[in-house]
C-alpha atoms as a PDB file:
ATOM      1  CA  LEU A   1      22.458-124.473-169.249  1.00  0.00           C
ATOM      2  CA  PRO A   2      21.685-125.405-172.833  1.00  0.00           C
ATOM      3  CA  PHE A   3      18.610-127.452-171.966  1.00  0.00           C
ATOM      4  CA  LEU A   4      16.648-124.452-170.650  1.00  0.00           C
ATOM      5  CA  PRO A   5      14.212-123.011-173.179  1.00  0.00           C
ATOM      6  CA  LEU A   6      15.098-119.415-173.905  1.00  0.00           C
ATOM      7  CA  PHE A   7      11.881-118.529-175.697  1.00  0.00           C
ATOM      8  CA  PHE A   8      10.971-116.123-172.904  1.00  0.00           C
ATOM      9  CA  LEU A   9      13.948-113.940-173.834  1.00  0.00           C
ATOM     10  CA  GLN A  10      12.731-113.447-177.404  1.00  0.00           C
ATOM     11  CA  LYS A  11      10.512-110.565-178.392  1.00  0.00           C
ATOM     12  CA  ILE A  12       7.229-112.052-179.552  1.00  0.00           C
ATOM     13  CA  GLU A  13       5.091-109.918-181.850  1.00  0.00           C
ATOM     14  CA  ILE A  14       2.193-112.326-182.411  1.00  0.00           C
ATOM     15  CA  MET A  15      -1.163-112.048-180.746  1.00  0.00           C
ATOM     16  CA  GLY A  16      -3.654-114.706-179.730  1.00  0.00           C
ATOM     17  CA  LYS A  17      -6.604-115.422-181.974  1.00  0.00           C
ATOM     18  CA  ILE A  18      -9.605-113.319-181.009  1.00  0.00           C
ATOM     19  CA  LEU A  19     -12.883-115.030-181.771  1.00  0.00           C
ATOM     20  CA  ASN A  20     -15.136-111.979-181.278  1.00  0.00           C
ATOM     21  CA  GLU A  21     -15.054-108.810-183.320  1.00  0.00           C
ATOM     22  CA  PRO A  22     -14.708-105.543-181.376  1.00  0.00           C
ATOM     23  CA  SER A  23     -18.047-103.792-180.957  1.00  0.00           C
ATOM     24  CA  HIS A  24     -16.527-100.314-180.493  1.00  0.00           C
ATOM     25  CA  THR A  25     -13.791 -98.273-182.145  1.00  0.00           C
ATOM     26  CA  VAL A  26     -10.390 -99.929-181.809  1.00  0.00           C
ATOM     27  CA  VAL A  27      -7.819 -97.585-180.275  1.00  0.00           C
ATOM     28  CA  ASP A  28      -4.965-100.102-180.133  1.00  0.00           C
ATOM     29  CA  PRO A  29      -5.419-103.718-181.285  1.00  0.00           C
ATOM     30  CA  ALA A  30      -2.487-104.994-179.184  1.00  0.00           C
ATOM     31  CA  PRO A  31      -1.752-102.550-176.346  1.00  0.00           C
ATOM     32  CA  LYS A  32       1.462-102.922-174.358  1.00  0.00           C
ATOM     33  CA  PHE A  33       1.561-103.141-170.552  1.00  0.00           C
ATOM     34  CA  PHE A  34       2.382 -99.509-169.771  1.00  0.00           C
ATOM     35  CA  LYS A  35      -0.166 -98.191-172.267  1.00  0.00           C
ATOM     36  CA  VAL A  36      -2.892-100.254-170.616  1.00  0.00           C
ATOM     37  CA  TRP A  37      -1.736 -99.184-167.155  1.00  0.00           C
ATOM     38  CA  GLY A  38      -1.564 -95.560-168.270  1.00  0.00           C
ATOM     39  CA  ASN A  39      -5.142 -95.854-169.482  1.00  0.00           C
ATOM     40  CA  PHE A  40      -6.430 -96.651-165.975  1.00  0.00           C
ATOM     41  CA  GLY A  41      -9.217 -94.331-164.908  1.00  0.00           C
ATOM     42  CA  THR A  42     -10.746 -93.536-161.544  1.00  0.00           C
ATOM     43  CA  GLY A  43     -13.038 -96.551-161.736  1.00  0.00           C
ATOM     44  CA  ASP A  44     -10.087 -98.859-162.341  1.00  0.00           C
ATOM     45  CA  TYR A  45      -8.256 -97.567-159.278  1.00  0.00           C
ATOM     46  CA  TRP A  46     -11.467 -97.969-157.274  1.00  0.00           C
ATOM     47  CA  THR A  47     -11.591-101.610-158.406  1.00  0.00           C
ATOM     48  CA  VAL A  48      -8.083-102.174-157.030  1.00  0.00           C
ATOM     49  CA  ALA A  49      -8.958-100.395-153.776  1.00  0.00           C
ATOM     50  CA  LYS A  50     -12.225-102.305-153.274  1.00  0.00           C
ATOM     51  CA  CYS A  51     -10.603-105.683-153.839  1.00  0.00           C
ATOM     52  CA  THR A  52      -7.808-104.824-151.402  1.00  0.00           C
ATOM     53  CA  VAL A  53     -10.141-103.503-148.711  1.00  0.00           C
ATOM     54  CA  LEU A  54     -12.502-106.452-149.010  1.00  0.00           C
ATOM     55  CA  ALA A  55      -9.769-109.100-148.978  1.00  0.00           C
ATOM     56  CA  ALA A  56      -7.862-107.896-145.909  1.00  0.00           C
ATOM     57  CA  PRO A  57     -10.664-108.529-143.348  1.00  0.00           C
ATOM     58  CA  VAL A  58     -11.291-111.956-144.879  1.00  0.00           C
ATOM     59  CA  GLY A  59      -7.633-112.794-144.306  1.00  0.00           C
ATOM     60  CA  PHE A  60      -7.855-111.474-140.756  1.00  0.00           C
ATOM     61  CA  LEU A  61     -10.890-113.633-139.990  1.00  0.00           C
ATOM     62  CA  ALA A  62      -9.360-116.719-141.605  1.00  0.00           C
ATOM     63  CA  GLY A  63      -5.955-116.204-140.001  1.00  0.00           C
ATOM     64  CA  GLY A  64      -6.435-118.188-136.818  1.00  0.00           C
ATOM     65  CA  PRO A  65      -3.418-117.619-134.555  1.00  0.00           C
ATOM     66  CA  VAL A  66      -1.587-115.442-137.116  1.00  0.00           C
ATOM     67  CA  LYS A  67      -4.333-112.973-138.001  1.00  0.00           C
ATOM     68  CA  VAL A  68      -2.264-109.919-138.933  1.00  0.00           C
ATOM     69  CA  PRO A  69       0.112-111.671-141.364  1.00  0.00           C
ATOM     70  CA  PHE A  70      -2.869-113.352-142.999  1.00  0.00           C
ATOM     71  CA  ALA A  71      -4.615-109.995-143.320  1.00  0.00           C
ATOM     72  CA  PHE A  72      -1.572-108.483-145.037  1.00  0.00           C
ATOM     73  CA  ALA A  73      -1.197-111.471-147.349  1.00  0.00           C
ATOM     74  CA  ALA A  74      -4.895-111.456-148.243  1.00  0.00           C
ATOM     75  CA  GLY A  75      -4.745-107.704-148.828  1.00  0.00           C
ATOM     76  CA  ALA A  76      -1.805-108.159-151.190  1.00  0.00           C
ATOM     77  CA  ILE A  77      -3.617-110.940-153.051  1.00  0.00           C
ATOM     78  CA  GLY A  78      -6.718-108.748-153.240  1.00  0.00           C
ATOM     79  CA  ALA A  79      -4.674-105.846-154.596  1.00  0.00           C
ATOM     80  CA  PHE A  80      -3.142-108.078-157.258  1.00  0.00           C
ATOM     81  CA  GLY A  81      -6.558-109.472-158.195  1.00  0.00           C
ATOM     82  CA  GLY A  82      -8.019-105.973-158.359  1.00  0.00           C
ATOM     83  CA  PHE A  83      -5.140-104.867-160.569  1.00  0.00           C
ATOM     84  CA  CYS A  84      -5.796-107.819-162.890  1.00  0.00           C
ATOM     85  CA  LEU A  85      -9.486-106.903-163.148  1.00  0.00           C
ATOM     86  CA  ALA A  86      -8.686-103.229-163.802  1.00  0.00           C
ATOM     87  CA  TYR A  87      -6.051-104.212-166.366  1.00  0.00           C
ATOM     88  CA  GLN A  88      -8.571-106.417-168.155  1.00  0.00           C
ATOM     89  CA  ASP A  89     -11.143-103.605-168.246  1.00  0.00           C
ATOM     90  CA  SER A  90      -8.602-101.063-169.473  1.00  0.00           C
ATOM     91  CA  SER A  91      -7.268-103.326-172.222  1.00  0.00           C
ATOM     92  CA  ALA A  92     -10.820-104.191-173.305  1.00  0.00           C
ATOM     93  CA  ARG A  93     -11.542-100.493-173.739  1.00  0.00           C
ATOM     94  CA  LEU A  94      -8.380 -99.967-175.786  1.00  0.00           C
ATOM     95  CA  MET A  95      -9.078-102.980-178.007  1.00  0.00           C
ATOM     96  CA  GLY A  96     -12.707-101.972-178.593  1.00  0.00           C
ATOM     97  CA  PHE A  97     -14.425-104.700-176.590  1.00  0.00           C
ATOM     98  CA  ALA A  98     -15.951-102.247-174.090  1.00  0.00           C
ATOM     99  CA  GLU A  99     -17.348 -98.717-174.229  1.00  0.00           C
ATOM    100  CA  ASN A 100     -14.398 -96.452-175.015  1.00  0.00           C
ATOM    101  CA  ALA A 101     -15.662 -93.006-175.990  1.00  0.00           C
ATOM    102  CA  LYS A 102     -13.161 -91.308-173.635  1.00  0.00           C
ATOM    103  CA  GLU A 103     -10.215 -93.238-175.076  1.00  0.00           C
ATOM    104  CA  VAL A 104     -11.269 -92.512-178.656  1.00  0.00           C
ATOM    105  CA  ARG A 105     -11.603 -88.794-177.854  1.00  0.00           C
ATOM    106  CA  ARG A 106      -8.302 -88.656-175.946  1.00  0.00           C
ATOM    107  CA  MET A 107      -6.177 -90.722-178.335  1.00  0.00           C
ATOM    108  CA  GLY A 108      -7.840 -89.697-181.561  1.00  0.00           C
ATOM    109  CA  ALA A 109      -8.597 -93.117-183.013  1.00  0.00           C
END
């Protein structure tokens, strides 16, 4: 299909324009997915767990006649949202936008 854009298959090495300067030491200015995920700490995993545990009962209460499937779906959405929050925190630490003394010590930046 020649009309489909194939830009998503290309390796893109550019980064978005950051308007704020990092306030801490920069460990990696453009961390990749697995580096950010590997940088997750206990607090990040607690964020994922809290979002999952809080979302499941909300889905159960909102489920009406299909409470259990709604609870599972809400739990999955909560887990994904918690992962996104933890990912954002982890990448902010690596890029120097949040306190990152542990990362600087561990990775030697």
